Amino acid sequence: MLQDFWQEILTVWQTGILSTNLGAIFMALGVFLTFLFARRIFFRLFSRTLKRLAGRTKTDIDDRVLEALERPLEFTFVIIGLYISGQVVSFSPALEAVFGQIIRSLIAFTIFWAIFRILDPLSILLDRTITLFGSPSMHETVKGFFVKVGKFVVVCLGAASVFQEWGFNVAALLGSLGLLGMAVALGAQDLIKNMFAGLTIFLDRMFEKGNWIKSTDVEGTVEEIGFRATKIRRFDKALVTIPNSKLASEALINYSRMTQRRIYWSIGVEYRTTKDQLRDIIHDIADYLHASPDFETDPEKTKTFVYLDSFGSSSIDVMLYCFTKTIEWGEWLAVKERLAYTIKDIVEKHGASFAFPSTSLYVETLPFGTPESFTPPSSSPPHSSSTT
């Protein structure tokens, strides 16, 4: 009886799982686990050697590429261990075919995974090829755009490679996706319009990350330019997301593209200021503007005007029109402050004063005639008569 039971055990052991010997399965599992343990040691030594070699080079591209490939390379050892374990087991023809598809799918996945990860470090090479965009921030924006497109293409190719390995007709699938894409395009017109508008923003260099812009709806600093929308951080720190199609189709002011920044003042002095005083004040202000390094006075670049402009209702107005070399708001405010102090000193030095709004009333005749004069009462008390 025990002998028959032992025979049953041997039968189960030999039949195993899907007609595969259990001993072979356990052996393959042991080989796989042993390989995983050895893989950790080998990969650490291998990785340290590669990092040591990459550290000797002058560029850091190889260091970043090696860091990006670290996970895919580590997963490659897992695939090798799985493949070697599969050679220990004698599968049936059907299982052998499925196992081969799994191995090839994992290989394709690892290859495209590695390409996907190295796109970021390799994007540094775009800095040498993108010459249409002058500023570093626009470099980063365009580079990020191309990296996103490249990653999307890699994901699509990787998925197609895996699907093809499992017998899917990729050509027919792409054809059906084309028909589906037409239907989706009809329902996603705004998305497609925003994507093309985003491309227009890139190519026309309307603005870039970090620019101070103003549209009809929002004013602030560009924080991110995406495929569909642009994120703008307002000066109150609120974040506004605007579709690219709206920004690309309306009038937009880019303050960060100013070459110089303007100061336009009307300086009012009192009407009692003499002609000579006015001439000296205007002359000294003009001399200060041309002598100060804060202002751009080259006539080929900007125009600088300091002239007697008009006779106002309560002041003689001097027009001051000039440009600062800095376009930074904080520095511009400091330059304006220094200019205001200097003008105050100049006006006071020449004995003049600033005018302020006032109204003078001249009366020729009063409507009720001449008023009576008011005589205040005497301070002494009135005398009282006494009778005896």
Protein backbone atom coordinates (compact mmCIF):
# COMPACT_ATOMS: atom_id res chain seq x y z
CA MET A 1 0.00 0.00 0.00
CA LEU A 2 2.81 2.39 0.87
CA GLN A 3 4.55 1.42 -2.32
CA ASP A 4 1.49 2.40 -4.33
CA PHE A 5 1.34 5.73 -2.46
CA TRP A 6 5.00 6.36 -3.26
CA GLN A 7 4.25 5.68 -6.91
CA GLU A 8 1.52 8.32 -6.79
CA ILE A 9 3.99 10.80 -5.31
CA LEU A 10 6.48 10.03 -8.08
CA THR A 11 3.78 10.44 -10.68
CA VAL A 12 2.80 13.87 -9.32
CA TRP A 13 6.47 14.83 -9.06
CA GLN A 14 7.16 13.83 -12.66
CA THR A 15 3.94 15.30 -14.02
CA GLY A 16 4.39 18.49 -11.98
CA ILE A 17 2.84 21.59 -13.41
CA LEU A 18 1.72 21.50 -17.04
CA SER A 19 3.61 18.22 -17.60
CA THR A 20 6.82 19.77 -16.28
CA ASN A 21 8.86 17.91 -13.66
CA LEU A 22 8.64 19.53 -10.23
CA GLY A 23 12.29 18.81 -9.62
CA ALA A 24 13.21 20.76 -12.73
CA ILE A 25 10.95 23.60 -11.67
CA PHE A 26 12.52 23.80 -8.20
CA MET A 27 15.97 23.57 -9.74
CA ALA A 28 15.16 26.38 -12.15
CA LEU A 29 13.81 28.45 -9.26
CA GLY A 30 17.00 27.81 -7.30
CA VAL A 31 19.12 28.81 -10.29
CA PHE A 32 17.08 32.00 -10.68
CA LEU A 33 17.39 32.95 -7.01
CA THR A 34 21.11 32.16 -7.01
CA PHE A 35 21.57 34.29 -10.09
CA LEU A 36 19.67 37.16 -8.49
CA PHE A 37 21.90 37.02 -5.42
CA ALA A 38 25.05 36.90 -7.56
CA ARG A 39 23.64 39.64 -9.77
CA ARG A 40 23.57 42.11 -6.89
CA ILE A 41 27.24 41.56 -6.14
CA PHE A 42 28.35 41.53 -9.78
CA PHE A 43 26.29 44.58 -10.71
CA ARG A 44 27.66 46.62 -7.83
CA LEU A 45 31.23 45.84 -8.86
CA PHE A 46 30.41 46.45 -12.53
CA SER A 47 28.62 49.72 -11.75
CA ARG A 48 31.45 51.01 -9.57
CA THR A 49 33.97 50.27 -12.32
CA LEU A 50 31.94 52.12 -14.93
CA LYS A 51 31.39 55.09 -12.61
CA ARG A 52 35.09 55.23 -11.88
CA LEU A 53 35.88 55.32 -15.61
CA ALA A 54 33.19 57.93 -16.28
CA GLY A 55 34.53 60.11 -13.48
CA ARG A 56 37.87 60.46 -15.28
CA THR A 57 36.31 62.23 -18.27
CA LYS A 58 35.94 66.00 -18.52
CA THR A 59 32.22 65.97 -19.34
CA ASP A 60 29.41 64.82 -17.10
CA ILE A 61 27.25 63.45 -19.92
CA ASP A 62 28.62 59.94 -19.49
CA ASP A 63 27.97 60.11 -15.74
CA ARG A 64 24.36 61.09 -16.31
CA VAL A 65 23.89 58.47 -19.03
CA LEU A 66 25.32 55.80 -16.75
CA GLU A 67 23.02 56.87 -13.95
CA ALA A 68 20.03 56.69 -16.31
CA LEU A 69 21.01 53.22 -17.57
CA GLU A 70 21.58 51.79 -14.10
CA ARG A 71 18.03 50.48 -13.60
CA PRO A 72 17.65 49.00 -17.12
CA LEU A 73 21.04 47.30 -16.84
CA GLU A 74 20.07 45.85 -13.48
CA PHE A 75 16.83 44.55 -14.95
CA THR A 76 18.82 42.99 -17.81
CA PHE A 77 20.47 40.67 -15.31
CA VAL A 78 17.01 39.59 -14.18
CA ILE A 79 16.09 38.70 -17.77
CA ILE A 80 19.33 36.73 -18.18
CA GLY A 81 18.65 34.84 -14.96
CA LEU A 82 15.10 34.06 -16.09
CA TYR A 83 16.36 32.86 -19.48
CA ILE A 84 19.02 30.57 -17.93
CA SER A 85 16.44 29.19 -15.50
CA GLY A 86 14.17 28.41 -18.43
CA GLN A 87 16.88 26.33 -20.07
CA VAL A 88 16.93 24.00 -17.04
CA VAL A 89 13.26 23.14 -17.47
CA SER A 90 11.98 21.08 -20.40
CA PHE A 91 8.81 22.84 -21.46
CA SER A 92 6.25 21.55 -23.87
CA PRO A 93 6.38 23.12 -27.34
CA ALA A 94 3.44 25.42 -26.52
CA LEU A 95 5.00 26.60 -23.25
CA GLU A 96 8.37 26.93 -24.95
CA ALA A 97 6.84 29.31 -27.47
CA VAL A 98 5.12 31.36 -24.75
CA PHE A 99 8.30 31.48 -22.67
CA GLY A 100 10.23 32.73 -25.70
CA GLN A 101 7.66 35.46 -26.28
CA ILE A 102 7.94 36.54 -22.66
CA ILE A 103 11.74 36.73 -22.86
CA ARG A 104 11.68 38.69 -26.14
CA SER A 105 8.99 41.05 -24.79
CA LEU A 106 11.09 41.75 -21.70
CA ILE A 107 14.13 42.40 -23.88
CA ALA A 108 12.18 44.86 -26.04
CA PHE A 109 10.77 46.53 -22.94
CA THR A 110 14.26 46.93 -21.43
CA ILE A 111 15.72 48.37 -24.64
CA PHE A 112 13.03 51.03 -25.02
CA TRP A 113 13.09 51.69 -21.28
CA ALA A 114 16.80 52.44 -21.52
CA ILE A 115 16.25 54.74 -24.52
CA PHE A 116 13.46 56.49 -22.64
CA ARG A 117 15.71 57.16 -19.65
CA ILE A 118 18.75 58.41 -21.57
CA LEU A 119 16.75 61.03 -23.47
CA ASP A 120 17.06 63.43 -20.54
CA PRO A 121 20.87 63.32 -20.19
CA LEU A 122 21.37 63.25 -23.97
CA SER A 123 19.22 66.36 -24.30
CA ILE A 124 22.34 68.32 -23.33
CA LEU A 125 23.53 67.74 -26.89
CA LEU A 126 20.61 69.82 -28.13
CA ASP A 127 22.24 72.89 -26.62
CA ARG A 128 24.87 72.67 -29.32
CA THR A 129 22.42 72.15 -32.17
CA ILE A 130 19.59 74.55 -31.27
CA THR A 131 20.95 77.86 -32.55
CA LEU A 132 17.69 79.54 -33.51
CA PHE A 133 16.91 80.43 -29.91
CA GLY A 134 19.36 82.77 -28.30
CA SER A 135 18.49 82.81 -24.61
CA PRO A 136 19.27 79.94 -22.23
CA SER A 137 15.72 79.85 -20.89
CA MET A 138 14.33 79.39 -24.41
CA HIS A 139 16.91 76.62 -24.89
CA GLU A 140 15.45 74.87 -21.88
CA THR A 141 11.88 75.35 -23.12
CA VAL A 142 12.57 74.03 -26.62
CA LYS A 143 14.70 71.22 -25.25
CA GLY A 144 11.94 70.16 -22.89
CA PHE A 145 9.48 70.19 -25.80
CA PHE A 146 11.63 67.91 -27.95
CA VAL A 147 12.37 65.60 -25.04
CA LYS A 148 8.66 65.15 -24.37
CA VAL A 149 8.00 64.41 -28.04
CA GLY A 150 10.90 61.95 -28.11
CA LYS A 151 9.64 60.12 -25.02
CA PHE A 152 6.17 59.86 -26.53
CA VAL A 153 7.61 58.36 -29.72
CA VAL A 154 9.75 55.88 -27.75
CA VAL A 155 6.73 54.73 -25.72
CA CYS A 156 4.69 54.20 -28.89
CA LEU A 157 7.50 52.25 -30.60
CA GLY A 158 8.11 50.14 -27.50
CA ALA A 159 4.42 49.27 -27.20
CA ALA A 160 4.27 48.40 -30.91
CA SER A 161 7.34 46.15 -30.55
CA VAL A 162 5.80 44.24 -27.64
CA PHE A 163 2.41 43.94 -29.37
CA GLN A 164 4.06 42.62 -32.51
CA GLU A 165 5.88 39.98 -30.48
CA TRP A 166 2.53 38.65 -29.26
CA GLY A 167 1.09 38.38 -32.73
CA PHE A 168 -0.79 41.63 -33.06
CA ASN A 169 -0.88 43.11 -36.56
CA VAL A 170 0.72 46.46 -35.87
CA ALA A 171 -0.01 47.82 -39.36
CA ALA A 172 -3.70 47.01 -39.04
CA LEU A 173 -3.67 48.43 -35.51
CA LEU A 174 -2.15 51.67 -36.75
CA GLY A 175 -4.75 51.82 -39.51
CA SER A 176 -7.56 51.42 -37.04
CA LEU A 177 -5.93 53.98 -34.81
CA GLY A 178 -5.91 56.34 -37.79
CA LEU A 179 -9.66 56.05 -38.13
CA LEU A 180 -10.00 56.38 -34.39
CA GLY A 181 -7.71 59.39 -34.51
CA MET A 182 -9.98 61.13 -37.00
CA ALA A 183 -12.93 60.62 -34.69
CA VAL A 184 -10.93 61.77 -31.70
CA ALA A 185 -9.64 64.79 -33.62
CA LEU A 186 -13.18 65.97 -34.26
CA GLY A 187 -13.87 65.88 -30.55
CA ALA A 188 -10.49 67.28 -29.53
CA GLN A 189 -10.22 70.28 -31.81
CA ASP A 190 -9.36 72.59 -28.93
CA LEU A 191 -6.55 70.30 -27.78
CA ILE A 192 -5.05 70.12 -31.28
CA LYS A 193 -5.45 73.87 -31.72
CA ASN A 194 -3.64 74.50 -28.43
CA MET A 195 -0.81 72.15 -29.40
CA PHE A 196 -0.22 73.95 -32.70
CA ALA A 197 -0.44 77.27 -30.88
CA GLY A 198 2.21 76.03 -28.45
CA LEU A 199 4.44 75.16 -31.41
CA THR A 200 3.86 78.67 -32.77
CA ILE A 201 4.92 80.16 -29.43
CA PHE A 202 8.15 78.13 -29.57
CA LEU A 203 9.00 79.00 -33.17
CA ASP A 204 8.05 82.69 -33.00
CA ARG A 205 9.69 83.13 -29.58
CA MET A 206 6.71 85.13 -28.33
CA PHE A 207 7.85 84.54 -24.77
CA GLU A 208 9.81 82.04 -22.76
CA LYS A 209 10.08 80.68 -19.27
CA GLY A 210 10.80 83.42 -16.74
CA ASN A 211 9.51 86.29 -18.91
CA TRP A 212 7.25 89.00 -17.52
CA ILE A 213 4.26 89.20 -19.87
CA LYS A 214 0.87 90.88 -19.90
CA SER A 215 -2.21 89.79 -21.82
CA THR A 216 -5.80 90.98 -21.73
CA ASP A 217 -6.53 88.60 -18.85
CA VAL A 218 -3.39 88.20 -16.78
CA GLU A 219 -0.01 89.75 -15.98
CA GLY A 220 2.85 87.85 -14.39
CA THR A 221 5.88 85.62 -14.89
CA VAL A 222 5.82 82.63 -17.23
CA GLU A 223 6.39 79.52 -15.14
CA GLU A 224 5.84 76.72 -17.64
CA ILE A 225 5.00 76.37 -21.35
CA GLY A 226 3.22 73.08 -21.99
CA PHE A 227 1.68 71.33 -24.98
CA ARG A 228 -1.82 72.55 -24.19
CA ALA A 229 -1.50 75.54 -21.89
CA THR A 230 0.92 78.01 -20.35
CA LYS A 231 1.20 78.57 -16.61
CA ILE A 232 1.71 82.15 -15.45
CA ARG A 233 2.50 83.15 -11.89
CA ARG A 234 0.83 86.46 -11.08
CA PHE A 235 2.54 89.00 -8.82
CA ASP A 236 0.17 88.09 -6.00
CA LYS A 237 1.63 84.54 -6.31
CA ALA A 238 -1.56 83.08 -7.78
CA LEU A 239 -1.03 80.57 -10.61
CA VAL A 240 -3.05 81.09 -13.80
CA THR A 241 -3.30 78.49 -16.57
CA ILE A 242 -4.17 79.91 -20.01
CA PRO A 243 -4.67 77.86 -23.23
CA ASN A 244 -1.89 78.40 -25.76
CA SER A 245 -4.38 79.25 -28.51
CA LYS A 246 -5.59 82.26 -26.52
CA LEU A 247 -2.09 83.59 -25.90
CA ALA A 248 -1.01 83.04 -29.50
CA SER A 249 -3.99 84.87 -30.99
CA GLU A 250 -4.16 88.05 -28.90
CA ALA A 251 -2.02 91.12 -28.36
CA LEU A 252 0.61 90.36 -25.75
CA ILE A 253 3.18 92.59 -24.04
CA ASN A 254 6.53 91.03 -23.15
CA TYR A 255 8.15 93.39 -20.66
CA SER A 256 11.25 91.19 -20.41
CA ARG A 257 12.13 92.06 -24.02
CA MET A 258 12.54 95.77 -23.25
CA THR A 259 15.96 97.08 -24.25
CA GLN A 260 15.70 100.02 -21.82
CA ARG A 261 13.07 101.19 -19.37
CA ARG A 262 11.38 104.58 -19.61
CA ILE A 263 10.90 107.38 -17.09
CA TYR A 264 8.32 109.97 -18.15
CA TRP A 265 7.64 112.74 -15.65
CA SER A 266 6.01 116.16 -15.61
CA ILE A 267 7.80 118.36 -13.06
CA GLY A 268 5.73 121.34 -11.90
CA VAL A 269 7.42 124.44 -10.46
CA GLU A 270 5.79 127.58 -9.12
CA TYR A 271 4.76 130.42 -11.43
CA ARG A 272 7.03 132.83 -9.58
CA THR A 273 10.02 130.90 -10.92
CA THR A 274 12.04 133.18 -13.22
CA LYS A 275 13.14 132.39 -16.74
CA ASP A 276 16.78 132.11 -15.71
CA GLN A 277 15.88 129.73 -12.90
CA LEU A 278 13.94 127.54 -15.33
CA ARG A 279 16.86 127.45 -17.78
CA ASP A 280 19.34 126.52 -15.03
CA ILE A 281 17.07 123.78 -13.64
CA ILE A 282 16.52 122.22 -17.08
CA HIS A 283 20.25 122.46 -17.89
CA ASP A 284 21.34 120.79 -14.64
CA ILE A 285 18.80 117.96 -14.97
CA ALA A 286 19.99 117.26 -18.53
CA ASP A 287 23.63 117.30 -17.41
CA TYR A 288 22.86 114.79 -14.67
CA LEU A 289 21.13 112.41 -17.11
CA HIS A 290 24.07 112.49 -19.54
CA ALA A 291 26.68 112.12 -16.81
CA SER A 292 25.02 109.33 -14.84
CA PRO A 293 25.84 105.71 -15.85
CA ASP A 294 22.26 104.73 -14.97
CA PHE A 295 20.74 106.31 -18.08
CA GLU A 296 20.99 105.49 -21.77
CA THR A 297 21.57 108.76 -23.62
CA ASP A 298 23.00 107.51 -26.89
CA PRO A 299 20.84 109.21 -29.56
CA GLU A 300 21.13 106.18 -31.83
CA LYS A 301 19.44 104.00 -29.21
CA THR A 302 17.03 106.26 -27.34
CA LYS A 303 15.84 109.83 -27.10
CA THR A 304 16.30 112.00 -24.02
CA PHE A 305 14.21 115.15 -23.56
CA VAL A 306 14.20 117.78 -20.81
CA TYR A 307 12.13 120.78 -21.95
CA LEU A 308 9.73 123.41 -20.71
CA ASP A 309 6.50 121.74 -21.74
CA SER A 310 3.42 123.70 -20.74
CA PHE A 311 1.81 126.24 -18.47
CA GLY A 312 -0.49 124.27 -16.24
CA SER A 313 -3.38 125.47 -14.12
CA SER A 314 -1.17 125.91 -11.07
CA SER A 315 2.41 125.25 -12.25
CA ILE A 316 4.95 125.63 -15.00
CA ASP A 317 5.53 122.07 -16.24
CA VAL A 318 8.91 120.69 -17.29
CA MET A 319 8.79 117.43 -19.28
CA LEU A 320 11.38 114.77 -18.39
CA TYR A 321 11.63 111.88 -20.86
CA CYS A 322 14.52 109.42 -20.52
CA PHE A 323 15.45 105.73 -20.42
CA THR A 324 17.39 103.69 -17.89
CA LYS A 325 19.91 101.05 -18.89
CA THR A 326 18.45 98.49 -16.51
CA ILE A 327 15.11 96.81 -17.13
CA GLU A 328 14.95 95.09 -13.74
CA TRP A 329 12.06 96.52 -11.76
CA GLY A 330 13.90 96.79 -8.43
CA GLU A 331 16.96 98.47 -9.97
CA TRP A 332 14.72 100.76 -12.01
CA LEU A 333 12.93 101.90 -8.85
CA ALA A 334 16.29 102.68 -7.22
CA VAL A 335 17.39 104.73 -10.26
CA LYS A 336 14.10 106.65 -10.18
CA GLU A 337 14.59 107.40 -6.50
CA ARG A 338 18.09 108.77 -7.06
CA LEU A 339 16.80 110.88 -9.93
CA ALA A 340 13.98 112.28 -7.78
CA TYR A 341 16.42 113.28 -5.01
CA THR A 342 18.71 114.94 -7.54
CA ILE A 343 15.87 116.94 -9.12
CA LYS A 344 14.73 118.13 -5.70
CA ASP A 345 18.26 119.29 -4.89
CA ILE A 346 18.56 121.09 -8.25
CA VAL A 347 15.23 122.90 -7.89
CA GLU A 348 16.00 124.00 -4.33
CA LYS A 349 19.57 124.98 -5.24
CA HIS A 350 18.29 127.52 -7.75
CA GLY A 351 15.85 129.01 -5.28
CA ALA A 352 12.72 127.60 -6.85
CA SER A 353 9.97 125.48 -5.36
CA PHE A 354 7.66 122.77 -6.55
CA ALA A 355 4.09 123.75 -7.24
CA PHE A 356 1.08 122.03 -5.84
CA PRO A 357 -2.55 122.18 -7.01
CA SER A 358 -4.18 125.39 -5.78
CA THR A 359 -7.12 127.63 -6.65
CA SER A 360 -7.21 131.45 -6.44
CA LEU A 361 -10.56 133.26 -6.14
CA TYR A 362 -10.81 136.91 -7.26
CA VAL A 363 -13.99 138.83 -6.32
CA GLU A 364 -14.73 142.19 -7.96
CA THR A 365 -18.07 143.00 -6.24
CA LEU A 366 -20.00 141.28 -3.50
CA PRO A 367 -23.62 140.41 -4.25
CA PHE A 368 -25.12 142.14 -1.13
CA GLY A 369 -23.22 145.40 -1.13
CA THR A 370 -20.53 146.55 1.26
CA PRO A 371 -20.71 144.80 4.62
CA GLU A 372 -20.91 146.81 7.82
CA SER A 373 -17.78 147.09 9.88
CA PHE A 374 -17.78 145.11 13.05
CA THR A 375 -16.76 146.96 16.21
CA PRO A 376 -15.88 144.71 19.11
CA PRO A 377 -17.40 145.63 22.48
CA SER A 378 -15.36 147.41 25.14
CA SER A 379 -13.68 145.24 27.67
CA SER A 380 -14.72 147.46 30.62
CA PRO A 381 -18.16 146.88 32.14
CA PRO A 382 -20.81 149.55 31.57
CA HIS A 383 -21.20 152.25 34.30
CA SER A 384 -24.38 152.07 36.38
CA SER A 385 -26.07 155.23 37.83
CA SER A 386 -26.66 155.37 41.56
CA THR A 387 -29.46 157.23 43.29
CA THR A 388 -29.41 158.58 46.73
